[in-house]
C-alpha atoms as a PDB file:
ATOM      1  CA  UNK A   1      46.587 134.039 101.493  1.00  0.00           C
ATOM      2  CA  UNK A   2      48.381 134.203 104.820  1.00  0.00           C
ATOM      3  CA  UNK A   3      50.029 137.540 105.535  1.00  0.00           C
ATOM      4  CA  UNK A   4      53.047 137.628 107.852  1.00  0.00           C
ATOM      5  CA  UNK A   5      53.680 140.497 110.253  1.00  0.00           C
ATOM      6  CA  UNK A   6      57.200 141.941 109.860  1.00  0.00           C
ATOM      7  CA  UNK A   7      59.715 140.057 111.963  1.00  0.00           C
ATOM      8  CA  UNK A   8      63.084 141.084 113.333  1.00  0.00           C
ATOM      9  CA  UNK A   9      65.716 138.496 114.010  1.00  0.00           C
ATOM     10  CA  UNK A  10      69.031 138.149 115.774  1.00  0.00           C
ATOM     11  CA  UNK A  11      71.428 135.249 115.991  1.00  0.00           C
ATOM     12  CA  UNK A  12      71.596 134.016 119.586  1.00  0.00           C
ATOM     13  CA  UNK A  13      73.760 130.939 118.970  1.00  0.00           C
ATOM     14  CA  UNK A  14      75.298 129.417 115.864  1.00  0.00           C
ATOM     15  CA  UNK A  15      72.420 128.680 113.426  1.00  0.00           C
ATOM     16  CA  UNK A  16      69.828 129.668 116.073  1.00  0.00           C
ATOM     17  CA  UNK A  17      67.838 132.890 115.759  1.00  0.00           C
ATOM     18  CA  UNK A  18      65.454 134.821 117.960  1.00  0.00           C
ATOM     19  CA  UNK A  19      62.574 136.294 115.940  1.00  0.00           C
ATOM     20  CA  UNK A  20      60.451 139.111 117.361  1.00  0.00           C
ATOM     21  CA  UNK A  21      57.474 141.130 116.180  1.00  0.00           C
ATOM     22  CA  UNK A  22      56.301 144.666 117.002  1.00  0.00           C
ATOM     23  CA  UNK A  23      53.685 143.377 119.448  1.00  0.00           C
ATOM     24  CA  UNK A  24      56.266 141.675 121.664  1.00  0.00           C
ATOM     25  CA  UNK A  25      55.792 138.145 120.352  1.00  0.00           C
ATOM     26  CA  UNK A  26      58.889 136.025 119.840  1.00  0.00           C
ATOM     27  CA  UNK A  27      60.123 132.558 118.970  1.00  0.00           C
ATOM     28  CA  UNK A  28      63.358 130.719 118.215  1.00  0.00           C
ATOM     29  CA  UNK A  29      64.059 129.176 114.845  1.00  0.00           C
ATOM     30  CA  UNK A  30      66.993 127.782 112.925  1.00  0.00           C
ATOM     31  CA  UNK A  31      68.851 129.194 109.949  1.00  0.00           C
ATOM     32  CA  UNK A  32      66.718 127.124 107.527  1.00  0.00           C
ATOM     33  CA  UNK A  33      63.606 129.028 108.674  1.00  0.00           C
ATOM     34  CA  UNK A  34      65.528 132.304 108.348  1.00  0.00           C
ATOM     35  CA  UNK A  35      66.490 131.449 104.773  1.00  0.00           C
ATOM     36  CA  UNK A  36      62.866 130.622 103.887  1.00  0.00           C
ATOM     37  CA  UNK A  37      61.624 133.815 105.594  1.00  0.00           C
ATOM     38  CA  UNK A  38      64.121 136.083 103.831  1.00  0.00           C
ATOM     39  CA  UNK A  39      63.476 134.536 100.423  1.00  0.00           C
ATOM     40  CA  UNK A  40      59.667 134.620 100.945  1.00  0.00           C
ATOM     41  CA  UNK A  41      59.459 130.844 100.519  1.00  0.00           C
ATOM     42  CA  UNK A  42      57.796 129.822 103.768  1.00  0.00           C
ATOM     43  CA  UNK A  43      56.268 126.364 103.869  1.00  0.00           C
ATOM     44  CA  UNK A  44      52.680 125.619 104.852  1.00  0.00           C
ATOM     45  CA  UNK A  45      54.034 124.352 108.174  1.00  0.00           C
ATOM     46  CA  UNK A  46      55.923 127.662 108.673  1.00  0.00           C
ATOM     47  CA  UNK A  47      52.777 129.660 107.931  1.00  0.00           C
ATOM     48  CA  UNK A  48      50.698 127.466 110.238  1.00  0.00           C
ATOM     49  CA  UNK A  49      53.238 127.943 113.047  1.00  0.00           C
ATOM     50  CA  UNK A  50      53.294 131.719 112.534  1.00  0.00           C
ATOM     51  CA  UNK A  51      49.492 131.825 112.511  1.00  0.00           C
ATOM     52  CA  UNK A  52      49.211 129.858 115.746  1.00  0.00           C
ATOM     53  CA  UNK A  53      51.933 132.040 117.301  1.00  0.00           C
ATOM     54  CA  UNK A  54      50.173 135.312 116.390  1.00  0.00           C
ATOM     55  CA  UNK A  55      52.589 136.496 113.688  1.00  0.00           C
ATOM     56  CA  UNK A  56      50.312 135.892 110.691  1.00  0.00           C
ATOM     57  CA  UNK A  57      46.740 136.633 109.594  1.00  0.00           C
ATOM     58  CA  UNK A  58      44.436 135.893 106.676  1.00  0.00           C
ATOM     59  CA  UNK A  59      42.619 139.241 106.325  1.00  0.00           C
ATOM     60  CA  UNK A  60      42.393 142.502 108.221  1.00  0.00           C
ATOM     61  CA  UNK A  61      39.236 141.635 110.141  1.00  0.00           C
ATOM     62  CA  UNK A  62      40.070 138.156 111.401  1.00  0.00           C
ATOM     63  CA  UNK A  63      40.820 137.315 115.017  1.00  0.00           C
ATOM     64  CA  UNK A  64      44.579 136.940 114.448  1.00  0.00           C
ATOM     65  CA  UNK A  65      44.797 140.447 112.965  1.00  0.00           C
ATOM     66  CA  UNK A  66      42.710 141.941 115.779  1.00  0.00           C
ATOM     67  CA  UNK A  67      44.733 140.090 118.426  1.00  0.00           C
ATOM     68  CA  UNK A  68      48.043 141.321 117.037  1.00  0.00           C
ATOM     69  CA  UNK A  69      46.739 144.894 116.859  1.00  0.00           C
ATOM     70  CA  UNK A  70      45.511 144.709 120.452  1.00  0.00           C
ATOM     71  CA  UNK A  71      48.880 143.392 121.693  1.00  0.00           C
ATOM     72  CA  UNK A  72      50.695 146.054 119.696  1.00  0.00           C
ATOM     73  CA  UNK A  73      48.438 148.839 121.031  1.00  0.00           C
ATOM     74  CA  UNK A  74      48.955 147.664 124.632  1.00  0.00           C
ATOM     75  CA  UNK A  75      52.688 147.636 124.093  1.00  0.00           C
ATOM     76  CA  UNK A  76      52.971 151.151 122.697  1.00  0.00           C
ATOM     77  CA  UNK A  77      50.298 152.684 124.963  1.00  0.00           C
ATOM     78  CA  UNK A  78      51.452 151.596 128.385  1.00  0.00           C
ATOM     79  CA  UNK A  79      48.882 152.348 131.051  1.00  0.00           C
ATOM     80  CA  UNK A  80      50.219 154.798 133.554  1.00  0.00           C
ATOM     81  CA  UNK A  81      49.192 155.701 137.044  1.00  0.00           C
ATOM     82  CA  UNK A  82      46.278 158.131 137.173  1.00  0.00           C
ATOM     83  CA  UNK A  83      47.497 161.152 139.095  1.00  0.00           C
ATOM     84  CA  UNK A  84      45.350 164.036 137.901  1.00  0.00           C
ATOM     85  CA  UNK A  85      41.617 164.481 137.386  1.00  0.00           C
ATOM     86  CA  UNK A  86      39.303 167.396 136.836  1.00  0.00           C
ATOM     87  CA  UNK A  87      36.119 167.281 138.895  1.00  0.00           C
ATOM     88  CA  UNK A  88      33.201 169.326 137.629  1.00  0.00           C
ATOM     89  CA  UNK A  89      30.556 169.687 140.336  1.00  0.00           C
ATOM     90  CA  UNK A  90      28.320 171.859 138.140  1.00  0.00           C
ATOM     91  CA  UNK A  91      27.462 172.170 134.480  1.00  0.00           C
ATOM     92  CA  UNK A  92      26.203 175.731 134.975  1.00  0.00           C
ATOM     93  CA  UNK A  93      28.995 177.663 133.307  1.00  0.00           C
ATOM     94  CA  UNK A  94      29.408 180.395 130.742  1.00  0.00           C
ATOM     95  CA  UNK A  95      33.192 180.264 130.506  1.00  0.00           C
ATOM     96  CA  UNK A  96      35.297 178.622 127.809  1.00  0.00           C
ATOM     97  CA  UNK A  97      38.303 177.219 129.648  1.00  0.00           C
ATOM     98  CA  UNK A  98      40.809 175.577 127.304  1.00  0.00           C
ATOM     99  CA  UNK A  99      41.113 172.431 129.413  1.00  0.00           C
ATOM    100  CA  UNK A 100      37.388 171.884 129.917  1.00  0.00           C
ATOM    101  CA  UNK A 101      35.636 169.227 127.839  1.00  0.00           C
ATOM    102  CA  UNK A 102      32.363 169.352 129.721  1.00  0.00           C
ATOM    103  CA  UNK A 103      29.015 170.182 128.179  1.00  0.00           C
ATOM    104  CA  UNK A 104      27.516 173.316 129.654  1.00  0.00           C
ATOM    105  CA  UNK A 105      24.004 174.466 130.505  1.00  0.00           C
ATOM    106  CA  UNK A 106      22.629 177.906 131.229  1.00  0.00           C
ATOM    107  CA  UNK A 107      24.026 179.427 134.389  1.00  0.00           C
ATOM    108  CA  UNK A 108      20.427 179.765 135.672  1.00  0.00           C
ATOM    109  CA  UNK A 109      19.480 176.118 135.052  1.00  0.00           C
ATOM    110  CA  UNK A 110      18.542 173.966 138.021  1.00  0.00           C
ATOM    111  CA  UNK A 111      19.487 170.413 138.850  1.00  0.00           C
ATOM    112  CA  UNK A 112      23.021 170.501 137.455  1.00  0.00           C
ATOM    113  CA  UNK A 113      25.023 170.913 140.693  1.00  0.00           C
ATOM    114  CA  UNK A 114      26.453 168.279 142.980  1.00  0.00           C
ATOM    115  CA  UNK A 115      25.214 168.310 146.522  1.00  0.00           C
ATOM    116  CA  UNK A 116      27.739 168.584 149.366  1.00  0.00           C
ATOM    117  CA  UNK A 117      27.198 164.867 149.957  1.00  0.00           C
ATOM    118  CA  UNK A 118      28.000 164.035 146.338  1.00  0.00           C
ATOM    119  CA  UNK A 119      31.164 166.144 146.398  1.00  0.00           C
ATOM    120  CA  UNK A 120      32.228 164.498 149.663  1.00  0.00           C
ATOM    121  CA  UNK A 121      31.587 161.050 148.218  1.00  0.00           C
ATOM    122  CA  UNK A 122      33.642 161.789 145.097  1.00  0.00           C
ATOM    123  CA  UNK A 123      36.505 163.239 147.138  1.00  0.00           C
ATOM    124  CA  UNK A 124      36.406 160.292 149.548  1.00  0.00           C
ATOM    125  CA  UNK A 125      36.448 157.828 146.652  1.00  0.00           C
ATOM    126  CA  UNK A 126      39.350 159.687 145.032  1.00  0.00           C
ATOM    127  CA  UNK A 127      41.364 159.700 148.235  1.00  0.00           C
ATOM    128  CA  UNK A 128      40.662 156.073 149.146  1.00  0.00           C
ATOM    129  CA  UNK A 129      41.148 154.755 145.606  1.00  0.00           C
ATOM    130  CA  UNK A 130      44.712 155.952 145.434  1.00  0.00           C
ATOM    131  CA  UNK A 131      45.930 154.608 148.757  1.00  0.00           C
ATOM    132  CA  UNK A 132      49.014 156.371 150.034  1.00  0.00           C
ATOM    133  CA  UNK A 133      49.756 158.001 146.689  1.00  0.00           C
ATOM    134  CA  UNK A 134      48.422 161.461 146.114  1.00  0.00           C
ATOM    135  CA  UNK A 135      45.875 162.502 143.506  1.00  0.00           C
ATOM    136  CA  UNK A 136      45.822 166.012 142.107  1.00  0.00           C
ATOM    137  CA  UNK A 137      42.354 167.245 141.278  1.00  0.00           C
ATOM    138  CA  UNK A 138      41.040 170.479 139.914  1.00  0.00           C
ATOM    139  CA  UNK A 139      37.510 171.222 141.025  1.00  0.00           C
ATOM    140  CA  UNK A 140      35.931 173.598 138.551  1.00  0.00           C
ATOM    141  CA  UNK A 141      33.168 175.426 140.290  1.00  0.00           C
ATOM    142  CA  UNK A 142      31.825 178.340 138.321  1.00  0.00           C
ATOM    143  CA  UNK A 143      28.690 179.574 140.087  1.00  0.00           C
ATOM    144  CA  UNK A 144      29.204 176.675 142.477  1.00  0.00           C
ATOM    145  CA  UNK A 145      29.722 178.242 145.857  1.00  0.00           C
ATOM    146  CA  UNK A 146      33.326 178.080 146.974  1.00  0.00           C
ATOM    147  CA  UNK A 147      32.011 177.729 150.521  1.00  0.00           C
ATOM    148  CA  UNK A 148      30.195 174.534 149.467  1.00  0.00           C
ATOM    149  CA  UNK A 149      33.489 173.186 148.116  1.00  0.00           C
ATOM    150  CA  UNK A 150      35.362 174.192 151.274  1.00  0.00           C
ATOM    151  CA  UNK A 151      32.684 172.654 153.506  1.00  0.00           C
ATOM    152  CA  UNK A 152      32.791 169.362 151.631  1.00  0.00           C
ATOM    153  CA  UNK A 153      36.577 169.229 151.550  1.00  0.00           C
ATOM    154  CA  UNK A 154      36.964 170.101 155.231  1.00  0.00           C
ATOM    155  CA  UNK A 155      34.500 167.441 156.341  1.00  0.00           C
ATOM    156  CA  UNK A 156      36.465 164.516 154.904  1.00  0.00           C
ATOM    157  CA  UNK A 157      36.661 161.412 157.094  1.00  0.00           C
ATOM    158  CA  UNK A 158      39.617 160.893 159.423  1.00  0.00           C
ATOM    159  CA  UNK A 159      42.765 159.802 157.640  1.00  0.00           C
ATOM    160  CA  UNK A 160      41.998 161.661 154.409  1.00  0.00           C
ATOM    161  CA  UNK A 161      44.013 164.830 154.036  1.00  0.00           C
ATOM    162  CA  UNK A 162      44.255 167.370 151.294  1.00  0.00           C
ATOM    163  CA  UNK A 163      46.083 170.545 150.568  1.00  0.00           C
ATOM    164  CA  UNK A 164      44.416 173.104 148.386  1.00  0.00           C
ATOM    165  CA  UNK A 165      44.846 176.338 146.542  1.00  0.00           C
ATOM    166  CA  UNK A 166      41.826 178.424 145.716  1.00  0.00           C
ATOM    167  CA  UNK A 167      41.681 180.931 142.895  1.00  0.00           C
ATOM    168  CA  UNK A 168      38.865 183.040 141.596  1.00  0.00           C
ATOM    169  CA  UNK A 169      38.835 184.107 137.967  1.00  0.00           C
ATOM    170  CA  UNK A 170      35.684 186.053 137.066  1.00  0.00           C
ATOM    171  CA  UNK A 171      33.654 184.102 139.627  1.00  0.00           C
ATOM    172  CA  UNK A 172      35.157 180.851 138.389  1.00  0.00           C
ATOM    173  CA  UNK A 173      36.470 179.031 141.422  1.00  0.00           C
ATOM    174  CA  UNK A 174      39.312 176.653 140.674  1.00  0.00           C
ATOM    175  CA  UNK A 175      40.296 174.571 143.651  1.00  0.00           C
ATOM    176  CA  UNK A 176      43.430 172.464 143.264  1.00  0.00           C
ATOM    177  CA  UNK A 177      43.555 169.679 145.825  1.00  0.00           C
ATOM    178  CA  UNK A 178      46.075 166.985 146.663  1.00  0.00           C
ATOM    179  CA  UNK A 179      44.245 164.066 148.275  1.00  0.00           C
ATOM    180  CA  UNK A 180      46.136 161.554 150.376  1.00  0.00           C
ATOM    181  CA  UNK A 181      44.686 158.592 152.190  1.00  0.00           C
END
């Protein structure tokens, strides 16, 4: 049986109604359709129209259902501009920072640090990817030499600027940068 997503309606002219759904879909219909919708007496033609318009589905795993859910999710979860990232140039850490979601390895492990070239490349990509807008980044660098971070950040190509603050909490360097291309 065809299920109908809930519809809202508003009269826009005498006997003419605008119907909308939660996913942003809409259509115009007359008062006869409204009467059939309210009394739950939609015709096969009504149900076919609603199905083709994305306001109806047969079961919860068909394409119409999935399409409506995707449109609804996009509508309520608007993508926003990325303006903050956390860069983790090493996994060698024995701290438990609240904001960190990175897996850790032993502080004596080898092969888990970025090279200066890798850090430069990431910073360059961050700066160039965001054009003239600025990107805030926290570079978590426990056991990662703050001088390595400074060297990489100071050797950015021409036209890429950053401001930084550097803090040290129990040998945990936290560098906050604002990259601008």
